[in-house]
Amino acid sequence: MASLLIVNPYASGVDEHRVEAVRAELGWPELVLTERRGHATELVRELEPAAEAVYVFSGDGGFNEVLNGLSGRVPVGFVPGGGASVLARALGLPQDPAAAARRLARGTRRRISLGRANGRRFGFSAGVGFDAELVRRIDALGRRADGRRAGNPRFLWAGLRAAWETRAQFEPALDVDGHGEAAFALVANCDPYTYLGPVALHLVPLATFEGGLDLVAPRRVTPRTMPRFTSYLVRRRGVERAKDVLYLHDVDRIEIRCRMPLPLQLDGEDVGDVEHVLLEAERDAVDVLV
């Protein structure tokens, strides 16, 4: 086959009309639909050897599944089809699926690094503790009638509610080997860390797809320090100099030991509770189309 298009039909921005528009822009690649969680990983492992390129029209969960099935022998293109589509946007692609597919069809390649958490790949972020708990809360709300996940307003509400329940107080809950204790840990493979609607959250402005991993982990959060920590998300500076935050830049290995089981998220997907996380940079891992 010349190229392969893997589509998650339940992603927020995917429908039949958009699928056909994307296929047309990509030159009518072979189409396969995912049917269940983890199916994209299975599909790409089975079909990648016969493809010249792999495209994915999905949200970040589907992107993550494909990354975990890729051998790295063929380039991959990410067509934004989710509520956030952080990976595609961080790679500089437009949010409109057809426009993104048109860009991908030009075939410009970029070699990027990936992260691994206990062996599982992630494209843009991993979180232990607070942000993973937010992902879990969103998942607990279930899917809408059309099978799609709750959107950004629900995510923002979940964050505000979690902060209210804890009175914006987060005490040390984990230890970063060799660097000390922290309340929670945010690990990035690029900048921005994520998006809230149209707003990019630049918690790790020095992180790049070509480098290693960056870590931001507040030692503790109190009502007094919460506004300052929140400001780091949007102003693109300051966190690397903050005395109350553990900050690591462009590293190959981060080991985290939790004082109790804590939730872990990878690319916005809840992957369960952990007591120990080994995060590693997989440099020069895959060719992406941009």
C-alpha atoms as a PDB file:
ATOM      1  CA  MET A   1       0.000   0.000   0.000  1.00  0.00           C
ATOM      2  CA  ALA A   2       1.218   3.518  -0.721  1.00  0.00           C
ATOM      3  CA  SER A   3      -0.029   5.028   2.546  1.00  0.00           C
ATOM      4  CA  LEU A   4      -2.335   4.235   5.434  1.00  0.00           C
ATOM      5  CA  LEU A   5      -4.871   6.428   7.255  1.00  0.00           C
ATOM      6  CA  ILE A   6      -5.940   5.279  10.721  1.00  0.00           C
ATOM      7  CA  VAL A   7      -9.088   7.036  11.953  1.00  0.00           C
ATOM      8  CA  ASN A   8     -10.698   7.086  15.383  1.00  0.00           C
ATOM      9  CA  PRO A   9     -14.379   7.625  14.473  1.00  0.00           C
ATOM     10  CA  TYR A  10     -15.222   8.622  18.077  1.00  0.00           C
ATOM     11  CA  ALA A  11     -12.737  11.490  18.329  1.00  0.00           C
ATOM     12  CA  SER A  12     -14.363  14.866  18.947  1.00  0.00           C
ATOM     13  CA  GLY A  13     -13.495  16.411  15.590  1.00  0.00           C
ATOM     14  CA  VAL A  14     -14.016  13.378  13.355  1.00  0.00           C
ATOM     15  CA  ASP A  15     -17.035  12.777  11.144  1.00  0.00           C
ATOM     16  CA  GLU A  16     -17.629  11.166   7.741  1.00  0.00           C
ATOM     17  CA  HIS A  17     -17.402  14.447   5.832  1.00  0.00           C
ATOM     18  CA  ARG A  18     -14.082  15.375   7.421  1.00  0.00           C
ATOM     19  CA  VAL A  19     -12.674  11.897   6.862  1.00  0.00           C
ATOM     20  CA  GLU A  20     -13.395  12.162   3.141  1.00  0.00           C
ATOM     21  CA  ALA A  21     -11.895  15.661   2.986  1.00  0.00           C
ATOM     22  CA  VAL A  22      -8.744  14.446   4.737  1.00  0.00           C
ATOM     23  CA  ARG A  23      -8.444  11.414   2.469  1.00  0.00           C
ATOM     24  CA  ALA A  24      -8.776  13.613  -0.603  1.00  0.00           C
ATOM     25  CA  GLU A  25      -5.992  15.931   0.572  1.00  0.00           C
ATOM     26  CA  LEU A  26      -3.745  12.941   1.317  1.00  0.00           C
ATOM     27  CA  GLY A  27      -4.296  11.290  -2.063  1.00  0.00           C
ATOM     28  CA  TRP A  28      -6.812   8.657  -0.939  1.00  0.00           C
ATOM     29  CA  PRO A  29      -4.738   6.459   1.389  1.00  0.00           C
ATOM     30  CA  GLU A  30      -6.075   3.113   2.550  1.00  0.00           C
ATOM     31  CA  LEU A  31      -8.566   3.749   5.373  1.00  0.00           C
ATOM     32  CA  VAL A  32      -8.903   1.713   8.568  1.00  0.00           C
ATOM     33  CA  LEU A  33     -11.105   2.595  11.557  1.00  0.00           C
ATOM     34  CA  THR A  34     -10.266   1.861  15.174  1.00  0.00           C
ATOM     35  CA  GLU A  35     -12.845  -0.117  17.119  1.00  0.00           C
ATOM     36  CA  ARG A  36     -11.604  -0.114  20.702  1.00  0.00           C
ATOM     37  CA  ARG A  37      -8.945   1.200  23.024  1.00  0.00           C
ATOM     38  CA  GLY A  38      -5.504   0.002  21.972  1.00  0.00           C
ATOM     39  CA  HIS A  39      -6.673  -0.951  18.474  1.00  0.00           C
ATOM     40  CA  ALA A  40      -4.544   1.727  16.742  1.00  0.00           C
ATOM     41  CA  THR A  41      -1.390   0.184  18.220  1.00  0.00           C
ATOM     42  CA  GLU A  42      -2.385  -3.216  16.859  1.00  0.00           C
ATOM     43  CA  LEU A  43      -3.228  -1.802  13.430  1.00  0.00           C
ATOM     44  CA  VAL A  44       0.013   0.080  12.955  1.00  0.00           C
ATOM     45  CA  ARG A  45       2.105  -2.916  14.035  1.00  0.00           C
ATOM     46  CA  GLU A  46       0.280  -5.071  11.497  1.00  0.00           C
ATOM     47  CA  LEU A  47       0.090  -2.642   8.575  1.00  0.00           C
ATOM     48  CA  GLU A  48       3.114  -0.313   8.863  1.00  0.00           C
ATOM     49  CA  PRO A  49       5.581  -2.732   7.170  1.00  0.00           C
ATOM     50  CA  ALA A  50       3.626  -2.461   3.897  1.00  0.00           C
ATOM     51  CA  ALA A  51       3.077   1.328   4.013  1.00  0.00           C
ATOM     52  CA  GLU A  52       5.138   4.231   2.717  1.00  0.00           C
ATOM     53  CA  ALA A  53       3.566   6.588   5.266  1.00  0.00           C
ATOM     54  CA  VAL A  54       1.125   6.351   8.172  1.00  0.00           C
ATOM     55  CA  TYR A  55      -1.428   9.078   8.869  1.00  0.00           C
ATOM     56  CA  VAL A  56      -3.607   9.295  11.970  1.00  0.00           C
ATOM     57  CA  PHE A  57      -6.868  11.270  12.163  1.00  0.00           C
ATOM     58  CA  SER A  58      -7.691  11.239  15.850  1.00  0.00           C
ATOM     59  CA  GLY A  59      -7.232  12.960  19.157  1.00  0.00           C
ATOM     60  CA  ASP A  60      -4.134  12.672  21.300  1.00  0.00           C
ATOM     61  CA  GLY A  61      -5.134   9.270  22.652  1.00  0.00           C
ATOM     62  CA  GLY A  62      -5.100   7.792  19.161  1.00  0.00           C
ATOM     63  CA  PHE A  63      -1.822   9.566  18.374  1.00  0.00           C
ATOM     64  CA  ASN A  64      -0.295   7.985  21.472  1.00  0.00           C
ATOM     65  CA  GLU A  65      -1.485   4.519  20.483  1.00  0.00           C
ATOM     66  CA  VAL A  66       0.080   4.856  17.042  1.00  0.00           C
ATOM     67  CA  LEU A  67       3.376   6.062  18.506  1.00  0.00           C
ATOM     68  CA  ASN A  68       3.437   2.920  20.636  1.00  0.00           C
ATOM     69  CA  GLY A  69       3.072   0.711  17.564  1.00  0.00           C
ATOM     70  CA  LEU A  70       5.485   2.444  15.194  1.00  0.00           C
ATOM     71  CA  SER A  71       8.821   0.889  14.325  1.00  0.00           C
ATOM     72  CA  GLY A  72      10.168   4.216  13.074  1.00  0.00           C
ATOM     73  CA  ARG A  73      10.794   2.914   9.555  1.00  0.00           C
ATOM     74  CA  VAL A  74       8.113   5.062   7.894  1.00  0.00           C
ATOM     75  CA  PRO A  75       7.060   8.674   8.544  1.00  0.00           C
ATOM     76  CA  VAL A  76       3.881   9.451  10.475  1.00  0.00           C
ATOM     77  CA  GLY A  77       1.505  12.384  10.096  1.00  0.00           C
ATOM     78  CA  PHE A  78      -0.976  13.529  12.750  1.00  0.00           C
ATOM     79  CA  VAL A  79      -4.267  15.041  11.573  1.00  0.00           C
ATOM     80  CA  PRO A  80      -5.948  16.901  14.470  1.00  0.00           C
ATOM     81  CA  GLY A  81      -9.297  15.322  15.292  1.00  0.00           C
ATOM     82  CA  GLY A  82      -9.589  15.742  19.062  1.00  0.00           C
ATOM     83  CA  GLY A  83     -10.694  18.434  21.437  1.00  0.00           C
ATOM     84  CA  ALA A  84      -7.116  19.574  22.050  1.00  0.00           C
ATOM     85  CA  SER A  85      -4.909  17.657  19.559  1.00  0.00           C
ATOM     86  CA  VAL A  86      -1.867  18.916  21.440  1.00  0.00           C
ATOM     87  CA  LEU A  87       0.693  16.869  19.521  1.00  0.00           C
ATOM     88  CA  ALA A  88      -0.392  18.043  16.079  1.00  0.00           C
ATOM     89  CA  ARG A  89      -0.637  21.668  17.180  1.00  0.00           C
ATOM     90  CA  ALA A  90       2.741  21.572  18.927  1.00  0.00           C
ATOM     91  CA  LEU A  91       4.221  20.336  15.642  1.00  0.00           C
ATOM     92  CA  GLY A  92       2.901  23.477  13.981  1.00  0.00           C
ATOM     93  CA  LEU A  93      -0.065  22.018  12.098  1.00  0.00           C
ATOM     94  CA  PRO A  94      -3.315  23.970  11.642  1.00  0.00           C
ATOM     95  CA  GLN A  95      -6.330  22.846  13.657  1.00  0.00           C
ATOM     96  CA  ASP A  96      -8.529  22.387  10.592  1.00  0.00           C
ATOM     97  CA  PRO A  97      -8.191  18.698   9.605  1.00  0.00           C
ATOM     98  CA  ALA A  98      -8.273  19.258   5.829  1.00  0.00           C
ATOM     99  CA  ALA A  99      -5.742  22.099   6.053  1.00  0.00           C
ATOM    100  CA  ALA A 100      -3.471  19.946   8.217  1.00  0.00           C
ATOM    101  CA  ALA A 101      -3.758  17.048   5.759  1.00  0.00           C
ATOM    102  CA  ARG A 102      -2.870  19.391   2.902  1.00  0.00           C
ATOM    103  CA  ARG A 103       0.284  20.387   4.777  1.00  0.00           C
ATOM    104  CA  LEU A 104       1.176  16.771   5.542  1.00  0.00           C
ATOM    105  CA  ALA A 105       0.767  15.778   1.903  1.00  0.00           C
ATOM    106  CA  ARG A 106       3.773  17.936   1.020  1.00  0.00           C
ATOM    107  CA  GLY A 107       5.926  15.337   2.755  1.00  0.00           C
ATOM    108  CA  THR A 108       8.197  17.610   4.827  1.00  0.00           C
ATOM    109  CA  ARG A 109       9.844  15.481   7.516  1.00  0.00           C
ATOM    110  CA  ARG A 110      11.067  16.288  11.011  1.00  0.00           C
ATOM    111  CA  ARG A 111      12.962  13.819  13.183  1.00  0.00           C
ATOM    112  CA  ILE A 112      11.809  14.031  16.799  1.00  0.00           C
ATOM    113  CA  SER A 113      12.456  12.415  20.139  1.00  0.00           C
ATOM    114  CA  LEU A 114       9.811  10.752  22.292  1.00  0.00           C
ATOM    115  CA  GLY A 115       9.451  10.048  25.988  1.00  0.00           C
ATOM    116  CA  ARG A 116       8.901   6.743  27.741  1.00  0.00           C
ATOM    117  CA  ALA A 117       7.242   6.151  31.097  1.00  0.00           C
ATOM    118  CA  ASN A 118       7.823   2.645  32.440  1.00  0.00           C
ATOM    119  CA  GLY A 119       8.426   1.608  28.825  1.00  0.00           C
ATOM    120  CA  ARG A 120       5.343   3.223  27.246  1.00  0.00           C
ATOM    121  CA  ARG A 121       5.929   6.022  24.762  1.00  0.00           C
ATOM    122  CA  PHE A 122       4.442   9.505  24.951  1.00  0.00           C
ATOM    123  CA  GLY A 123       4.640  12.315  22.446  1.00  0.00           C
ATOM    124  CA  PHE A 124       4.260  15.521  24.423  1.00  0.00           C
ATOM    125  CA  SER A 125       3.596  15.056  28.145  1.00  0.00           C
ATOM    126  CA  ALA A 126       3.481  12.810  31.170  1.00  0.00           C
ATOM    127  CA  GLY A 127       2.074  13.755  34.553  1.00  0.00           C
ATOM    128  CA  VAL A 128       2.147  12.151  37.978  1.00  0.00           C
ATOM    129  CA  GLY A 129      -0.415  13.353  40.500  1.00  0.00           C
ATOM    130  CA  PHE A 130      -2.513  16.473  40.004  1.00  0.00           C
ATOM    131  CA  ASP A 131      -2.908  16.767  36.218  1.00  0.00           C
ATOM    132  CA  ALA A 132      -3.359  12.994  35.895  1.00  0.00           C
ATOM    133  CA  GLU A 133      -6.114  13.237  38.512  1.00  0.00           C
ATOM    134  CA  LEU A 134      -7.854  15.841  36.335  1.00  0.00           C
ATOM    135  CA  VAL A 135      -7.691  13.476  33.354  1.00  0.00           C
ATOM    136  CA  ARG A 136      -9.214  10.742  35.513  1.00  0.00           C
ATOM    137  CA  ARG A 137     -12.038  13.013  36.630  1.00  0.00           C
ATOM    138  CA  ILE A 138     -12.875  13.881  33.037  1.00  0.00           C
ATOM    139  CA  ASP A 139     -12.942  10.197  32.110  1.00  0.00           C
ATOM    140  CA  ALA A 140     -15.262   9.523  35.056  1.00  0.00           C
ATOM    141  CA  LEU A 141     -17.823  11.875  33.505  1.00  0.00           C
ATOM    142  CA  GLY A 142     -18.204   9.346  30.711  1.00  0.00           C
ATOM    143  CA  ARG A 143     -18.782   9.993  27.042  1.00  0.00           C
ATOM    144  CA  ARG A 144     -21.482  12.070  25.437  1.00  0.00           C
ATOM    145  CA  ALA A 145     -24.310  10.440  23.502  1.00  0.00           C
ATOM    146  CA  ASP A 146     -22.186  10.577  20.326  1.00  0.00           C
ATOM    147  CA  GLY A 147     -19.341   8.692  22.066  1.00  0.00           C
ATOM    148  CA  ARG A 148     -17.094  11.714  22.397  1.00  0.00           C
ATOM    149  CA  ARG A 149     -15.156  12.864  25.455  1.00  0.00           C
ATOM    150  CA  ALA A 150     -16.038  15.919  27.537  1.00  0.00           C
ATOM    151  CA  GLY A 151     -14.446  19.096  26.216  1.00  0.00           C
ATOM    152  CA  ASN A 152     -12.268  21.907  27.546  1.00  0.00           C
ATOM    153  CA  PRO A 153     -14.929  23.616  29.725  1.00  0.00           C
ATOM    154  CA  ARG A 154     -15.353  20.395  31.698  1.00  0.00           C
ATOM    155  CA  PHE A 155     -11.580  20.065  32.056  1.00  0.00           C
ATOM    156  CA  LEU A 156     -11.308  23.611  33.397  1.00  0.00           C
ATOM    157  CA  TRP A 157     -14.195  22.976  35.797  1.00  0.00           C
ATOM    158  CA  ALA A 158     -12.516  19.769  37.031  1.00  0.00           C
ATOM    159  CA  GLY A 159      -9.320  21.713  37.742  1.00  0.00           C
ATOM    160  CA  LEU A 160     -11.122  24.445  39.644  1.00  0.00           C
ATOM    161  CA  ARG A 161     -13.096  21.904  41.645  1.00  0.00           C
ATOM    162  CA  ALA A 162      -9.969  19.904  42.548  1.00  0.00           C
ATOM    163  CA  ALA A 163      -8.231  23.081  43.701  1.00  0.00           C
ATOM    164  CA  TRP A 164     -11.281  24.025  45.776  1.00  0.00           C
ATOM    165  CA  GLU A 165     -11.519  20.593  47.400  1.00  0.00           C
ATOM    166  CA  THR A 166      -7.870  20.734  48.499  1.00  0.00           C
ATOM    167  CA  ARG A 167      -8.093  24.435  49.364  1.00  0.00           C
ATOM    168  CA  ALA A 168      -5.243  24.905  46.835  1.00  0.00           C
ATOM    169  CA  GLN A 169      -2.949  22.997  49.204  1.00  0.00           C
ATOM    170  CA  PHE A 170      -0.739  20.241  47.764  1.00  0.00           C
ATOM    171  CA  GLU A 171       1.841  18.728  50.081  1.00  0.00           C
ATOM    172  CA  PRO A 172       4.818  16.594  48.976  1.00  0.00           C
ATOM    173  CA  ALA A 173       3.573  13.252  47.629  1.00  0.00           C
ATOM    174  CA  LEU A 174       6.549  11.969  45.646  1.00  0.00           C
ATOM    175  CA  ASP A 175      10.329  12.071  45.428  1.00  0.00           C
ATOM    176  CA  VAL A 176      12.380  12.762  42.309  1.00  0.00           C
ATOM    177  CA  ASP A 177      15.553  10.702  42.712  1.00  0.00           C
ATOM    178  CA  GLY A 178      18.539  12.943  43.314  1.00  0.00           C
ATOM    179  CA  HIS A 179      16.517  16.161  43.384  1.00  0.00           C
ATOM    180  CA  GLY A 180      14.117  16.066  46.320  1.00  0.00           C
ATOM    181  CA  GLU A 181      10.422  15.959  47.123  1.00  0.00           C
ATOM    182  CA  ALA A 182       7.501  17.424  45.224  1.00  0.00           C
ATOM    183  CA  ALA A 183       3.726  17.663  45.333  1.00  0.00           C
ATOM    184  CA  PHE A 184       3.240  16.439  41.750  1.00  0.00           C
ATOM    185  CA  ALA A 185       5.323  16.130  38.592  1.00  0.00           C
ATOM    186  CA  LEU A 186       4.821  17.390  35.042  1.00  0.00           C
ATOM    187  CA  VAL A 187       7.166  16.030  32.372  1.00  0.00           C
ATOM    188  CA  ALA A 188       7.300  17.470  28.853  1.00  0.00           C
ATOM    189  CA  ASN A 189       8.754  16.475  25.522  1.00  0.00           C
ATOM    190  CA  CYS A 190       7.957  19.834  23.874  1.00  0.00           C
ATOM    191  CA  ASP A 191       6.513  23.296  24.352  1.00  0.00           C
ATOM    192  CA  PRO A 192       3.672  24.014  24.930  1.00  0.00           C
ATOM    193  CA  TYR A 193       2.816  21.483  27.618  1.00  0.00           C
ATOM    194  CA  THR A 194      -0.841  21.475  26.567  1.00  0.00           C
ATOM    195  CA  TYR A 195      -3.645  23.741  25.366  1.00  0.00           C
ATOM    196  CA  LEU A 196      -6.779  24.988  27.060  1.00  0.00           C
ATOM    197  CA  GLY A 197      -8.972  25.812  24.091  1.00  0.00           C
ATOM    198  CA  PRO A 198      -7.019  28.362  22.029  1.00  0.00           C
ATOM    199  CA  VAL A 199      -4.637  29.153  24.904  1.00  0.00           C
ATOM    200  CA  ALA A 200      -1.237  27.470  24.901  1.00  0.00           C
ATOM    201  CA  LEU A 201       0.092  26.596  28.370  1.00  0.00           C
ATOM    202  CA  HIS A 202       3.847  27.226  28.274  1.00  0.00           C
ATOM    203  CA  LEU A 203       4.925  25.555  31.489  1.00  0.00           C
ATOM    204  CA  VAL A 204       8.165  24.273  29.923  1.00  0.00           C
ATOM    205  CA  PRO A 205       9.221  26.903  27.354  1.00  0.00           C
ATOM    206  CA  LEU A 206      12.694  25.410  26.830  1.00  0.00           C
ATOM    207  CA  ALA A 207      11.477  21.901  25.941  1.00  0.00           C
ATOM    208  CA  THR A 208      11.881  20.836  22.298  1.00  0.00           C
ATOM    209  CA  PHE A 209      10.960  17.780  20.255  1.00  0.00           C
ATOM    210  CA  GLU A 210      14.624  17.354  19.347  1.00  0.00           C
ATOM    211  CA  GLY A 211      15.878  17.342  22.949  1.00  0.00           C
ATOM    212  CA  GLY A 212      15.435  15.268  26.067  1.00  0.00           C
ATOM    213  CA  LEU A 213      12.767  15.579  28.742  1.00  0.00           C
ATOM    214  CA  ASP A 214      11.938  18.595  30.900  1.00  0.00           C
ATOM    215  CA  LEU A 215      10.474  18.325  34.407  1.00  0.00           C
ATOM    216  CA  VAL A 216       8.510  20.852  36.449  1.00  0.00           C
ATOM    217  CA  ALA A 217       7.526  19.712  39.927  1.00  0.00           C
ATOM    218  CA  PRO A 218       6.398  22.180  42.633  1.00  0.00           C
ATOM    219  CA  ARG A 219       7.819  21.205  46.027  1.00  0.00           C
ATOM    220  CA  ARG A 220       4.472  22.118  47.578  1.00  0.00           C
ATOM    221  CA  VAL A 221       1.563  24.333  46.607  1.00  0.00           C
ATOM    222  CA  THR A 222      -0.287  26.618  48.999  1.00  0.00           C
ATOM    223  CA  PRO A 223      -3.004  29.240  48.495  1.00  0.00           C
ATOM    224  CA  ARG A 224      -0.215  31.843  48.591  1.00  0.00           C
ATOM    225  CA  THR A 225       1.943  30.181  45.935  1.00  0.00           C
ATOM    226  CA  MET A 226      -0.858  28.914  43.667  1.00  0.00           C
ATOM    227  CA  PRO A 227      -1.231  32.207  41.711  1.00  0.00           C
ATOM    228  CA  ARG A 228       2.515  32.329  41.038  1.00  0.00           C
ATOM    229  CA  PHE A 229       2.642  28.719  39.877  1.00  0.00           C
ATOM    230  CA  THR A 230      -0.419  29.257  37.664  1.00  0.00           C
ATOM    231  CA  SER A 231       1.239  32.292  36.085  1.00  0.00           C
ATOM    232  CA  TYR A 232       4.083  30.099  34.834  1.00  0.00           C
ATOM    233  CA  LEU A 233       1.577  28.402  32.531  1.00  0.00           C
ATOM    234  CA  VAL A 234       1.069  31.479  30.361  1.00  0.00           C
ATOM    235  CA  ARG A 235       4.026  33.831  30.667  1.00  0.00           C
ATOM    236  CA  ARG A 236       6.740  31.539  29.198  1.00  0.00           C
ATOM    237  CA  ARG A 237       9.376  32.426  31.782  1.00  0.00           C
ATOM    238  CA  GLY A 238      10.225  32.224  35.434  1.00  0.00           C
ATOM    239  CA  VAL A 239       9.700  28.574  36.319  1.00  0.00           C
ATOM    240  CA  GLU A 240      13.326  27.682  35.612  1.00  0.00           C
ATOM    241  CA  ARG A 241      14.416  30.138  38.329  1.00  0.00           C
ATOM    242  CA  ALA A 242      11.713  29.402  40.902  1.00  0.00           C
ATOM    243  CA  LYS A 243      13.122  28.247  44.255  1.00  0.00           C
ATOM    244  CA  ASP A 244       9.952  26.358  45.201  1.00  0.00           C
ATOM    245  CA  VAL A 245       9.883  24.266  42.001  1.00  0.00           C
ATOM    246  CA  LEU A 246      12.077  21.375  40.889  1.00  0.00           C
ATOM    247  CA  TYR A 247      13.095  22.079  37.304  1.00  0.00           C
ATOM    248  CA  LEU A 248      15.111  19.834  34.985  1.00  0.00           C
ATOM    249  CA  HIS A 249      15.905  20.579  31.344  1.00  0.00           C
ATOM    250  CA  ASP A 250      16.930  18.270  28.486  1.00  0.00           C
ATOM    251  CA  VAL A 251      17.584  15.155  30.560  1.00  0.00           C
ATOM    252  CA  ASP A 252      17.596  11.502  29.533  1.00  0.00           C
ATOM    253  CA  ARG A 253      16.297   9.924  32.722  1.00  0.00           C
ATOM    254  CA  ILE A 254      13.966  10.903  35.566  1.00  0.00           C
ATOM    255  CA  GLU A 255      13.013   8.481  38.320  1.00  0.00           C
ATOM    256  CA  ILE A 256      10.020   9.214  40.531  1.00  0.00           C
ATOM    257  CA  ARG A 257       8.977   7.324  43.671  1.00  0.00           C
ATOM    258  CA  CYS A 258       5.482   8.015  44.980  1.00  0.00           C
ATOM    259  CA  ARG A 259       4.663   7.939  48.680  1.00  0.00           C
ATOM    260  CA  MET A 260       1.272   6.421  47.836  1.00  0.00           C
ATOM    261  CA  PRO A 261      -0.257   5.187  44.576  1.00  0.00           C
ATOM    262  CA  LEU A 262      -0.746   8.206  42.304  1.00  0.00           C
ATOM    263  CA  PRO A 263      -2.409   8.491  38.889  1.00  0.00           C
ATOM    264  CA  LEU A 264      -0.196   8.681  35.799  1.00  0.00           C
ATOM    265  CA  GLN A 265      -1.246  10.286  32.518  1.00  0.00           C
ATOM    266  CA  LEU A 266       0.539  10.038  29.175  1.00  0.00           C
ATOM    267  CA  ASP A 267      -0.518  12.409  26.382  1.00  0.00           C
ATOM    268  CA  GLY A 268      -3.750  13.075  28.238  1.00  0.00           C
ATOM    269  CA  GLU A 269      -4.633   9.395  28.766  1.00  0.00           C
ATOM    270  CA  ASP A 270      -5.057   7.841  32.215  1.00  0.00           C
ATOM    271  CA  VAL A 271      -2.794   4.782  32.413  1.00  0.00           C
ATOM    272  CA  GLY A 272      -3.506   3.851  36.031  1.00  0.00           C
ATOM    273  CA  ASP A 273      -1.927   4.317  39.443  1.00  0.00           C
ATOM    274  CA  VAL A 274       1.815   4.023  39.976  1.00  0.00           C
ATOM    275  CA  GLU A 275       4.198   3.974  42.895  1.00  0.00           C
ATOM    276  CA  HIS A 276       7.337   4.172  40.764  1.00  0.00           C
ATOM    277  CA  VAL A 277       7.873   5.813  37.365  1.00  0.00           C
ATOM    278  CA  LEU A 278      11.010   5.649  35.234  1.00  0.00           C
ATOM    279  CA  LEU A 279      10.887   8.320  32.554  1.00  0.00           C
ATOM    280  CA  GLU A 280      13.382   8.117  29.702  1.00  0.00           C
ATOM    281  CA  ALA A 281      14.070  10.184  26.594  1.00  0.00           C
ATOM    282  CA  GLU A 282      14.042   8.188  23.378  1.00  0.00           C
ATOM    283  CA  ARG A 283      16.086  10.537  21.248  1.00  0.00           C
ATOM    284  CA  ASP A 284      15.869  10.619  17.460  1.00  0.00           C
ATOM    285  CA  ALA A 285      12.944   8.200  17.564  1.00  0.00           C
ATOM    286  CA  VAL A 286      10.582   8.826  14.634  1.00  0.00           C
ATOM    287  CA  ASP A 287      10.112  10.853  11.455  1.00  0.00           C
ATOM    288  CA  VAL A 288       6.994  13.000  11.583  1.00  0.00           C
ATOM    289  CA  LEU A 289       5.395  14.854   8.706  1.00  0.00           C
ATOM    290  CA  VAL A 290       4.886  18.535   9.434  1.00  0.00           C
END
